[in-house]
C-alpha atoms as a PDB file:
ATOM      1  CA  MET A   1    -103.023 -28.985  91.861  1.00  0.00           C
ATOM      2  CA  GLN A   2    -102.955 -32.565  90.648  1.00  0.00           C
ATOM      3  CA  LYS A   3    -100.587 -34.400  88.299  1.00  0.00           C
ATOM      4  CA  ILE A   4    -102.155 -36.621  85.639  1.00  0.00           C
ATOM      5  CA  SER A   5    -100.782 -39.229  83.263  1.00  0.00           C
ATOM      6  CA  LEU A   6    -100.794 -37.017  80.153  1.00  0.00           C
ATOM      7  CA  GLU A   7     -97.200 -35.994  79.425  1.00  0.00           C
ATOM      8  CA  ASP A   8     -94.716 -34.723  76.878  1.00  0.00           C
ATOM      9  CA  LEU A   9     -91.475 -36.611  76.255  1.00  0.00           C
ATOM     10  CA  ILE A  10     -88.326 -34.630  77.010  1.00  0.00           C
ATOM     11  CA  THR A  11     -84.878 -35.858  75.922  1.00  0.00           C
ATOM     12  CA  ILE A  12     -81.896 -33.949  77.292  1.00  0.00           C
ATOM     13  CA  GLY A  13     -78.306 -34.271  76.139  1.00  0.00           C
ATOM     14  CA  ALA A  14     -75.168 -32.370  77.113  1.00  0.00           C
ATOM     15  CA  GLU A  15     -71.638 -32.151  75.812  1.00  0.00           C
ATOM     16  CA  GLU A  16     -68.769 -29.860  76.589  1.00  0.00           C
ATOM     17  CA  SER A  17     -68.919 -26.611  74.646  1.00  0.00           C
ATOM     18  CA  LEU A  18     -65.911 -25.799  72.479  1.00  0.00           C
ATOM     19  CA  THR A  19     -66.790 -22.107  72.296  1.00  0.00           C
ATOM     20  CA  GLY A  20     -66.123 -21.294  75.930  1.00  0.00           C
ATOM     21  CA  GLU A  21     -69.754 -20.453  76.637  1.00  0.00           C
ATOM     22  CA  HIS A  22     -72.989 -22.247  77.345  1.00  0.00           C
ATOM     23  CA  LYS A  23     -75.273 -22.991  74.402  1.00  0.00           C
ATOM     24  CA  ILE A  24     -78.859 -24.249  74.473  1.00  0.00           C
ATOM     25  CA  HIS A  25     -80.664 -25.852  71.543  1.00  0.00           C
ATOM     26  CA  ILE A  26     -84.367 -26.773  71.477  1.00  0.00           C
ATOM     27  CA  THR A  27     -86.108 -29.005  68.948  1.00  0.00           C
ATOM     28  CA  CYS A  28     -89.789 -29.927  68.910  1.00  0.00           C
ATOM     29  CA  ASN A  29     -92.097 -32.077  66.802  1.00  0.00           C
ATOM     30  CA  ASN A  30     -94.783 -29.363  66.979  1.00  0.00           C
ATOM     31  CA  GLY A  31     -94.099 -26.398  64.709  1.00  0.00           C
ATOM     32  CA  SER A  32     -96.202 -24.041  66.826  1.00  0.00           C
ATOM     33  CA  ILE A  33     -93.805 -24.353  69.768  1.00  0.00           C
ATOM     34  CA  PRO A  34     -91.020 -21.740  69.844  1.00  0.00           C
ATOM     35  CA  THR A  35     -87.508 -23.166  69.984  1.00  0.00           C
ATOM     36  CA  ASP A  36     -85.736 -19.930  70.878  1.00  0.00           C
ATOM     37  CA  SER A  37     -85.149 -18.205  74.214  1.00  0.00           C
ATOM     38  CA  SER A  38     -88.908 -17.683  74.688  1.00  0.00           C
ATOM     39  CA  ASN A  39     -89.372 -21.430  75.285  1.00  0.00           C
ATOM     40  CA  LEU A  40     -89.778 -22.184  79.005  1.00  0.00           C
ATOM     41  CA  ALA A  41     -87.441 -25.177  78.814  1.00  0.00           C
ATOM     42  CA  TRP A  42     -84.772 -22.914  77.261  1.00  0.00           C
ATOM     43  CA  LYS A  43     -85.300 -20.360  80.036  1.00  0.00           C
ATOM     44  CA  ALA A  44     -85.070 -23.080  82.682  1.00  0.00           C
ATOM     45  CA  ALA A  45     -81.785 -24.405  81.307  1.00  0.00           C
ATOM     46  CA  ASP A  46     -80.348 -20.899  81.010  1.00  0.00           C
ATOM     47  CA  LYS A  47     -81.284 -19.920  84.573  1.00  0.00           C
ATOM     48  CA  LEU A  48     -80.001 -23.208  85.982  1.00  0.00           C
ATOM     49  CA  LEU A  49     -76.604 -22.832  84.317  1.00  0.00           C
ATOM     50  CA  LYS A  50     -76.274 -19.243  85.487  1.00  0.00           C
ATOM     51  CA  GLU A  51     -77.276 -20.145  89.039  1.00  0.00           C
ATOM     52  CA  ALA A  52     -75.121 -23.272  89.350  1.00  0.00           C
ATOM     53  CA  ASN A  53     -72.199 -21.710  87.465  1.00  0.00           C
ATOM     54  CA  PRO A  54     -70.449 -25.010  86.666  1.00  0.00           C
ATOM     55  CA  LYS A  55     -66.717 -24.845  85.966  1.00  0.00           C
ATOM     56  CA  ASP A  56     -67.226 -26.408  82.529  1.00  0.00           C
ATOM     57  CA  HIS A  57     -69.207 -24.858  79.699  1.00  0.00           C
ATOM     58  CA  TRP A  58     -71.947 -26.999  78.218  1.00  0.00           C
ATOM     59  CA  GLU A  59     -73.850 -27.343  74.975  1.00  0.00           C
ATOM     60  CA  ILE A  60     -77.346 -28.447  75.944  1.00  0.00           C
ATOM     61  CA  ASN A  61     -79.721 -30.183  73.534  1.00  0.00           C
ATOM     62  CA  ILE A  62     -83.379 -30.496  74.525  1.00  0.00           C
ATOM     63  CA  ALA A  63     -85.800 -32.427  72.308  1.00  0.00           C
ATOM     64  CA  ILE A  64     -89.503 -32.019  73.075  1.00  0.00           C
ATOM     65  CA  LYS A  65     -92.076 -34.472  71.789  1.00  0.00           C
ATOM     66  CA  LYS A  66     -95.463 -32.858  72.411  1.00  0.00           C
ATOM     67  CA  GLU A  67     -98.371 -34.958  73.632  1.00  0.00           C
ATOM     68  CA  ILE A  68    -100.034 -32.342  75.846  1.00  0.00           C
ATOM     69  CA  PRO A  69    -102.204 -30.039  73.707  1.00  0.00           C
ATOM     70  CA  VAL A  70    -100.822 -26.527  73.300  1.00  0.00           C
ATOM     71  CA  GLY A  71    -102.672 -23.611  74.909  1.00  0.00           C
ATOM     72  CA  ALA A  72    -104.993 -25.912  76.832  1.00  0.00           C
ATOM     73  CA  GLY A  73    -104.293 -24.778  80.389  1.00  0.00           C
ATOM     74  CA  LEU A  74    -102.733 -28.146  81.243  1.00  0.00           C
ATOM     75  CA  GLY A  75     -99.252 -26.927  82.203  1.00  0.00           C
ATOM     76  CA  GLY A  76     -97.348 -28.411  79.269  1.00  0.00           C
ATOM     77  CA  GLY A  77     -94.740 -25.665  79.066  1.00  0.00           C
ATOM     78  CA  SER A  78     -94.346 -25.485  82.851  1.00  0.00           C
ATOM     79  CA  SER A  79     -93.897 -29.237  83.221  1.00  0.00           C
ATOM     80  CA  ASN A  80     -91.276 -29.223  80.464  1.00  0.00           C
ATOM     81  CA  ALA A  81     -89.382 -26.465  82.250  1.00  0.00           C
ATOM     82  CA  ALA A  82     -89.519 -28.408  85.522  1.00  0.00           C
ATOM     83  CA  THR A  83     -88.296 -31.577  83.818  1.00  0.00           C
ATOM     84  CA  THR A  84     -85.419 -29.608  82.293  1.00  0.00           C
ATOM     85  CA  LEU A  85     -84.358 -28.254  85.697  1.00  0.00           C
ATOM     86  CA  VAL A  86     -84.512 -31.628  87.421  1.00  0.00           C
ATOM     87  CA  GLY A  87     -82.975 -33.493  84.477  1.00  0.00           C
ATOM     88  CA  LEU A  88     -80.051 -31.138  83.942  1.00  0.00           C
ATOM     89  CA  ASN A  89     -79.305 -31.033  87.655  1.00  0.00           C
ATOM     90  CA  ARG A  90     -78.885 -34.810  87.569  1.00  0.00           C
ATOM     91  CA  LEU A  91     -77.200 -35.057  84.177  1.00  0.00           C
ATOM     92  CA  LEU A  92     -74.558 -32.446  84.950  1.00  0.00           C
ATOM     93  CA  GLU A  93     -74.251 -33.618  88.574  1.00  0.00           C
ATOM     94  CA  LEU A  94     -74.776 -30.073  89.847  1.00  0.00           C
ATOM     95  CA  GLY A  95     -76.021 -31.252  93.219  1.00  0.00           C
ATOM     96  CA  LEU A  96     -78.588 -28.499  93.735  1.00  0.00           C
ATOM     97  CA  PRO A  97     -81.187 -29.350  96.433  1.00  0.00           C
ATOM     98  CA  GLN A  98     -84.885 -29.413  95.590  1.00  0.00           C
ATOM     99  CA  GLN A  99     -85.527 -26.108  97.362  1.00  0.00           C
ATOM    100  CA  LYS A 100     -82.983 -24.397  95.100  1.00  0.00           C
ATOM    101  CA  LEU A 101     -84.686 -25.885  92.045  1.00  0.00           C
ATOM    102  CA  LEU A 102     -88.041 -24.642  93.358  1.00  0.00           C
ATOM    103  CA  ASP A 103     -86.590 -21.138  93.761  1.00  0.00           C
ATOM    104  CA  ILE A 104     -85.215 -21.174  90.210  1.00  0.00           C
ATOM    105  CA  GLY A 105     -88.446 -22.667  88.883  1.00  0.00           C
ATOM    106  CA  LYS A 106     -90.671 -19.859  90.151  1.00  0.00           C
ATOM    107  CA  THR A 107     -88.531 -17.338  88.234  1.00  0.00           C
ATOM    108  CA  VAL A 108     -89.329 -19.286  85.052  1.00  0.00           C
ATOM    109  CA  GLY A 109     -93.084 -19.648  85.597  1.00  0.00           C
ATOM    110  CA  SER A 110     -95.532 -19.692  88.495  1.00  0.00           C
ATOM    111  CA  ASP A 111     -96.618 -23.313  87.826  1.00  0.00           C
ATOM    112  CA  VAL A 112     -93.099 -24.712  87.425  1.00  0.00           C
ATOM    113  CA  PRO A 113     -92.484 -25.365  91.162  1.00  0.00           C
ATOM    114  CA  PHE A 114     -95.518 -27.656  91.340  1.00  0.00           C
ATOM    115  CA  PHE A 115     -94.040 -29.997  88.737  1.00  0.00           C
ATOM    116  CA  ILE A 116     -90.690 -29.975  90.550  1.00  0.00           C
ATOM    117  CA  LEU A 117     -92.444 -30.874  93.815  1.00  0.00           C
ATOM    118  CA  GLY A 118     -94.074 -33.779  91.983  1.00  0.00           C
ATOM    119  CA  GLN A 119     -97.074 -34.441  94.225  1.00  0.00           C
ATOM    120  CA  THR A 120    -100.606 -33.237  94.865  1.00  0.00           C
ATOM    121  CA  ALA A 121    -100.495 -29.800  96.482  1.00  0.00           C
ATOM    122  CA  ILE A 122    -102.568 -26.821  97.541  1.00  0.00           C
ATOM    123  CA  ALA A 123    -101.253 -23.777  95.663  1.00  0.00           C
ATOM    124  CA  ARG A 124    -101.442 -20.233  96.959  1.00  0.00           C
ATOM    125  CA  GLY A 125    -100.126 -16.865  95.848  1.00  0.00           C
ATOM    126  CA  ILE A 126     -99.754 -17.026  92.073  1.00  0.00           C
ATOM    127  CA  GLY A 127     -99.171 -20.776  92.317  1.00  0.00           C
ATOM    128  CA  GLU A 128     -95.648 -20.738  93.701  1.00  0.00           C
ATOM    129  CA  LYS A 129     -96.585 -21.293  97.371  1.00  0.00           C
ATOM    130  CA  LEU A 130     -97.173 -25.021  97.661  1.00  0.00           C
ATOM    131  CA  GLU A 131     -98.448 -27.201 100.474  1.00  0.00           C
ATOM    132  CA  PRO A 132     -98.282 -30.972  99.845  1.00  0.00           C
ATOM    133  CA  PHE A 133    -101.722 -32.498 100.283  1.00  0.00           C
ATOM    134  CA  GLN A 134    -103.109 -36.023 100.392  1.00  0.00           C
ATOM    135  CA  ILE A 135    -106.597 -36.200  98.899  1.00  0.00           C
ATOM    136  CA  PRO A 136    -108.776 -38.716 100.775  1.00  0.00           C
ATOM    137  CA  GLU A 137    -109.284 -41.914  98.816  1.00  0.00           C
ATOM    138  CA  ASP A 138    -113.051 -41.344  98.903  1.00  0.00           C
ATOM    139  CA  PHE A 139    -112.627 -38.290  96.667  1.00  0.00           C
ATOM    140  CA  SER A 140    -109.800 -39.527  94.494  1.00  0.00           C
ATOM    141  CA  PRO A 141    -110.154 -43.300  94.057  1.00  0.00           C
ATOM    142  CA  SER A 142    -107.598 -45.142  91.982  1.00  0.00           C
ATOM    143  CA  ASN A 143    -110.137 -45.803  89.234  1.00  0.00           C
ATOM    144  CA  VAL A 144    -111.041 -42.156  88.581  1.00  0.00           C
ATOM    145  CA  THR A 145    -110.536 -41.399  84.885  1.00  0.00           C
ATOM    146  CA  TYR A 146    -110.449 -37.955  83.305  1.00  0.00           C
ATOM    147  CA  LEU A 147    -111.796 -37.287  79.834  1.00  0.00           C
ATOM    148  CA  LEU A 148    -109.914 -34.320  78.387  1.00  0.00           C
ATOM    149  CA  VAL A 149    -111.087 -32.304  75.395  1.00  0.00           C
ATOM    150  CA  HIS A 150    -109.248 -29.354  73.910  1.00  0.00           C
ATOM    151  CA  PRO A 151    -111.465 -27.713  71.255  1.00  0.00           C
ATOM    152  CA  ASP A 152    -108.480 -26.369  69.287  1.00  0.00           C
ATOM    153  CA  ILE A 153    -108.991 -22.768  70.384  1.00  0.00           C
ATOM    154  CA  ASN A 154    -106.378 -20.779  72.247  1.00  0.00           C
ATOM    155  CA  LEU A 155    -107.398 -18.381  74.971  1.00  0.00           C
ATOM    156  CA  SER A 156    -105.172 -15.530  76.098  1.00  0.00           C
ATOM    157  CA  SER A 157    -104.667 -16.004  79.849  1.00  0.00           C
ATOM    158  CA  LYS A 158    -104.148 -12.255  80.184  1.00  0.00           C
ATOM    159  CA  GLU A 159    -107.469 -11.513  78.506  1.00  0.00           C
ATOM    160  CA  VAL A 160    -109.350 -14.139  80.527  1.00  0.00           C
ATOM    161  CA  TYR A 161    -108.035 -12.686  83.778  1.00  0.00           C
ATOM    162  CA  GLU A 162    -108.829  -9.150  82.668  1.00  0.00           C
ATOM    163  CA  ARG A 163    -112.428 -10.122  81.879  1.00  0.00           C
ATOM    164  CA  SER A 164    -112.918 -11.952  85.176  1.00  0.00           C
ATOM    165  CA  ASN A 165    -114.241 -10.188  88.267  1.00  0.00           C
ATOM    166  CA  PHE A 166    -112.657 -11.535  91.416  1.00  0.00           C
ATOM    167  CA  GLY A 167    -113.912 -10.676  94.866  1.00  0.00           C
ATOM    168  CA  LEU A 168    -112.076 -11.319  98.101  1.00  0.00           C
ATOM    169  CA  THR A 169    -112.106 -14.896  99.377  1.00  0.00           C
ATOM    170  CA  PRO A 170    -114.935 -15.075 101.935  1.00  0.00           C
ATOM    171  CA  PRO A 171    -113.927 -15.587 105.563  1.00  0.00           C
ATOM    172  CA  GLY A 172    -114.398 -18.917 107.302  1.00  0.00           C
ATOM    173  CA  ASN A 173    -113.120 -22.464 106.892  1.00  0.00           C
ATOM    174  CA  ASN A 174    -114.104 -22.543 103.209  1.00  0.00           C
ATOM    175  CA  ALA A 175    -111.116 -20.278 102.545  1.00  0.00           C
ATOM    176  CA  LYS A 176    -108.880 -23.208 103.548  1.00  0.00           C
ATOM    177  CA  PHE A 177    -109.192 -26.124 101.181  1.00  0.00           C
ATOM    178  CA  ALA A 178    -108.241 -28.772 103.729  1.00  0.00           C
ATOM    179  CA  HIS A 179    -110.961 -27.585 106.134  1.00  0.00           C
ATOM    180  CA  PHE A 180    -113.441 -27.327 103.274  1.00  0.00           C
ATOM    181  CA  LEU A 181    -112.722 -30.916 102.269  1.00  0.00           C
ATOM    182  CA  LYS A 182    -113.222 -32.141 105.837  1.00  0.00           C
ATOM    183  CA  GLU A 183    -116.583 -30.366 105.984  1.00  0.00           C
ATOM    184  CA  ILE A 184    -117.692 -32.109 102.789  1.00  0.00           C
ATOM    185  CA  GLU A 185    -116.390 -35.470 104.010  1.00  0.00           C
ATOM    186  CA  GLY A 186    -118.297 -35.119 107.286  1.00  0.00           C
ATOM    187  CA  ASP A 187    -121.492 -34.050 105.548  1.00  0.00           C
ATOM    188  CA  ILE A 188    -121.336 -36.955 103.107  1.00  0.00           C
ATOM    189  CA  THR A 189    -120.552 -39.483 105.862  1.00  0.00           C
ATOM    190  CA  GLN A 190    -123.582 -38.375 107.875  1.00  0.00           C
ATOM    191  CA  LYS A 191    -125.838 -38.902 104.863  1.00  0.00           C
ATOM    192  CA  LYS A 192    -124.487 -42.461 104.455  1.00  0.00           C
ATOM    193  CA  LEU A 193    -124.530 -42.233 100.673  1.00  0.00           C
ATOM    194  CA  PRO A 194    -123.302 -45.046  98.373  1.00  0.00           C
ATOM    195  CA  PRO A 195    -119.609 -44.659  97.363  1.00  0.00           C
ATOM    196  CA  THR A 196    -120.320 -43.445  93.800  1.00  0.00           C
ATOM    197  CA  GLU A 197    -122.837 -40.892  95.028  1.00  0.00           C
ATOM    198  CA  GLN A 198    -120.369 -39.756  97.698  1.00  0.00           C
ATOM    199  CA  ILE A 199    -117.837 -38.957  94.995  1.00  0.00           C
ATOM    200  CA  ARG A 200    -120.480 -37.257  92.843  1.00  0.00           C
ATOM    201  CA  GLN A 201    -121.583 -34.983  95.695  1.00  0.00           C
ATOM    202  CA  ALA A 202    -117.988 -34.134  96.594  1.00  0.00           C
ATOM    203  CA  TYR A 203    -117.048 -33.137  93.065  1.00  0.00           C
ATOM    204  CA  LYS A 204    -120.160 -30.966  92.756  1.00  0.00           C
ATOM    205  CA  GLN A 205    -118.805 -28.824  95.569  1.00  0.00           C
ATOM    206  CA  LEU A 206    -115.087 -29.038  94.802  1.00  0.00           C
ATOM    207  CA  LEU A 207    -115.009 -28.314  91.065  1.00  0.00           C
ATOM    208  CA  ILE A 208    -114.914 -24.522  90.870  1.00  0.00           C
ATOM    209  CA  ASN A 209    -113.047 -22.323  88.399  1.00  0.00           C
ATOM    210  CA  ASP A 210    -113.634 -18.576  88.703  1.00  0.00           C
ATOM    211  CA  LEU A 211    -112.200 -18.046  85.217  1.00  0.00           C
ATOM    212  CA  GLU A 212    -114.879 -20.095  83.474  1.00  0.00           C
ATOM    213  CA  GLY A 213    -117.454 -17.313  83.201  1.00  0.00           C
ATOM    214  CA  ALA A 214    -115.188 -15.021  81.206  1.00  0.00           C
ATOM    215  CA  ALA A 215    -113.828 -17.872  79.093  1.00  0.00           C
ATOM    216  CA  ILE A 216    -117.308 -19.147  78.220  1.00  0.00           C
ATOM    217  CA  LYS A 217    -118.369 -15.677  77.075  1.00  0.00           C
ATOM    218  CA  MET A 218    -115.381 -15.649  74.742  1.00  0.00           C
ATOM    219  CA  HIS A 219    -115.931 -19.231  73.531  1.00  0.00           C
ATOM    220  CA  PRO A 220    -119.352 -20.811  74.340  1.00  0.00           C
ATOM    221  CA  ILE A 221    -118.055 -24.203  73.177  1.00  0.00           C
ATOM    222  CA  ILE A 222    -116.521 -24.571  76.653  1.00  0.00           C
ATOM    223  CA  ALA A 223    -119.978 -24.614  78.263  1.00  0.00           C
ATOM    224  CA  LYS A 224    -121.233 -27.039  75.609  1.00  0.00           C
ATOM    225  CA  LEU A 225    -118.354 -29.402  76.355  1.00  0.00           C
ATOM    226  CA  LYS A 226    -119.146 -29.367  80.069  1.00  0.00           C
ATOM    227  CA  GLU A 227    -122.829 -30.022  79.423  1.00  0.00           C
ATOM    228  CA  ALA A 228    -122.054 -32.886  77.058  1.00  0.00           C
ATOM    229  CA  MET A 229    -119.681 -34.579  79.500  1.00  0.00           C
ATOM    230  CA  LEU A 230    -122.255 -34.431  82.293  1.00  0.00           C
ATOM    231  CA  LYS A 231    -124.932 -35.714  79.919  1.00  0.00           C
ATOM    232  CA  PHE A 232    -122.800 -38.721  79.013  1.00  0.00           C
ATOM    233  CA  GLY A 233    -121.915 -39.795  82.528  1.00  0.00           C
ATOM    234  CA  ALA A 234    -119.281 -37.501  84.075  1.00  0.00           C
ATOM    235  CA  ILE A 235    -119.756 -36.946  87.808  1.00  0.00           C
ATOM    236  CA  GLY A 236    -118.216 -33.500  87.403  1.00  0.00           C
ATOM    237  CA  SER A 237    -116.746 -31.291  84.686  1.00  0.00           C
ATOM    238  CA  LEU A 238    -114.589 -28.156  84.662  1.00  0.00           C
ATOM    239  CA  MET A 239    -112.407 -25.978  82.463  1.00  0.00           C
ATOM    240  CA  THR A 240    -108.658 -26.371  83.042  1.00  0.00           C
ATOM    241  CA  GLY A 241    -106.834 -23.293  84.320  1.00  0.00           C
ATOM    242  CA  SER A 242    -107.525 -20.299  82.107  1.00  0.00           C
ATOM    243  CA  GLY A 243    -108.658 -22.641  79.331  1.00  0.00           C
ATOM    244  CA  SER A 244    -109.473 -23.784  76.926  1.00  0.00           C
ATOM    245  CA  ALA A 245    -109.486 -27.514  77.653  1.00  0.00           C
ATOM    246  CA  VAL A 246    -112.351 -29.098  79.589  1.00  0.00           C
ATOM    247  CA  PHE A 247    -112.191 -32.264  81.660  1.00  0.00           C
ATOM    248  CA  GLY A 248    -114.848 -34.637  82.888  1.00  0.00           C
ATOM    249  CA  VAL A 249    -114.464 -36.964  85.876  1.00  0.00           C
ATOM    250  CA  PHE A 250    -115.547 -40.592  85.439  1.00  0.00           C
ATOM    251  CA  THR A 251    -115.501 -43.445  87.945  1.00  0.00           C
ATOM    252  CA  ASN A 252    -114.974 -46.004  85.198  1.00  0.00           C
ATOM    253  CA  PRO A 253    -112.471 -45.820  82.308  1.00  0.00           C
ATOM    254  CA  ASN A 254    -114.874 -47.575  79.954  1.00  0.00           C
ATOM    255  CA  ASP A 255    -117.495 -44.903  80.659  1.00  0.00           C
ATOM    256  CA  ALA A 256    -114.923 -42.216  79.837  1.00  0.00           C
ATOM    257  CA  ASN A 257    -114.017 -43.883  76.544  1.00  0.00           C
ATOM    258  CA  ARG A 258    -117.670 -44.231  75.536  1.00  0.00           C
ATOM    259  CA  ALA A 259    -118.314 -40.591  76.478  1.00  0.00           C
ATOM    260  CA  ALA A 260    -115.379 -39.483  74.328  1.00  0.00           C
ATOM    261  CA  ILE A 261    -117.069 -40.931  71.245  1.00  0.00           C
ATOM    262  CA  LYS A 262    -120.456 -39.447  72.120  1.00  0.00           C
ATOM    263  CA  VAL A 263    -119.088 -35.976  72.946  1.00  0.00           C
ATOM    264  CA  LYS A 264    -117.189 -35.857  69.659  1.00  0.00           C
ATOM    265  CA  GLU A 265    -120.294 -36.891  67.707  1.00  0.00           C
ATOM    266  CA  GLN A 266    -122.731 -34.563  69.473  1.00  0.00           C
ATOM    267  CA  LEU A 267    -120.561 -31.466  69.150  1.00  0.00           C
ATOM    268  CA  ASN A 268    -119.177 -32.428  65.738  1.00  0.00           C
ATOM    269  CA  LEU A 269    -115.634 -31.770  66.919  1.00  0.00           C
ATOM    270  CA  GLU A 270    -113.065 -31.321  64.186  1.00  0.00           C
ATOM    271  CA  GLU A 271    -109.969 -33.448  63.680  1.00  0.00           C
ATOM    272  CA  GLY A 272    -107.752 -30.737  65.189  1.00  0.00           C
ATOM    273  CA  CYS A 273    -109.378 -31.171  68.592  1.00  0.00           C
ATOM    274  CA  PHE A 274    -107.608 -33.200  71.249  1.00  0.00           C
ATOM    275  CA  ILE A 275    -109.654 -35.913  72.956  1.00  0.00           C
ATOM    276  CA  GLY A 276    -108.019 -38.268  75.411  1.00  0.00           C
ATOM    277  CA  THR A 277    -108.175 -39.853  78.834  1.00  0.00           C
ATOM    278  CA  ALA A 278    -105.836 -39.699  81.808  1.00  0.00           C
ATOM    279  CA  HIS A 279    -105.610 -40.728  85.447  1.00  0.00           C
ATOM    280  CA  ASN A 280    -104.080 -39.337  88.630  1.00  0.00           C
ATOM    281  CA  ILE A 281    -100.377 -39.596  89.396  1.00  0.00           C
ATOM    282  CA  ASN A 282     -99.378 -39.125  93.034  1.00  0.00           C
END
């Protein structure tokens, strides 16, 4: 799992409650986002207050300014929940250690701990078992740019998983990402390829999403987006999570910006679609 520069803006305020109980209020600039107890940031604040059990009662105000497209498989709700946990812990001076926040986070959502950890990690289980990982510079150079396109369709994660056929992970080193990466690195080094071609070959082998097949059957536009990104210069392209956003990997930000225009024109994407670029954050 990798953090990128696309982010929502979360503003958290707290004042002593006069009612003798905790209260949580959510506001958001996007009307499609729930502001009641179903919101992950609300759940995070509620669980934190119950776990920490501060002597004072607080009225918590959380304002969410959405920049991450909704229902895109980019972890917007999970990252907001993580930010709420970390932010409230500091704001209220609760003093909870990171491990405690990680434990609370996984009860809110399986991806929440990753955003609390705040660094590149290998995720196992349902995403809650994290192993910090440093990607070799050859595979993740500082100038890698991602072109992100969300075609304004929402996929049900439950339905995508139900339609996907998963077999057991095959035995061998390929089952361990770190070993797999070393194998690729060794193979590429032996071939003595130019740097750009090294990255291209690595991404061909590393970019795998077992959920894509089911998602593409439900919405073929996902396959068309991948094809268009590769056509216009991406060294690799993949669907995010359970969809429905697609990203392309570019070694030059100018190439990514030019591809954004061409992809939009070729596929005649509507105004409601999200198209943007981002880079790695480590």
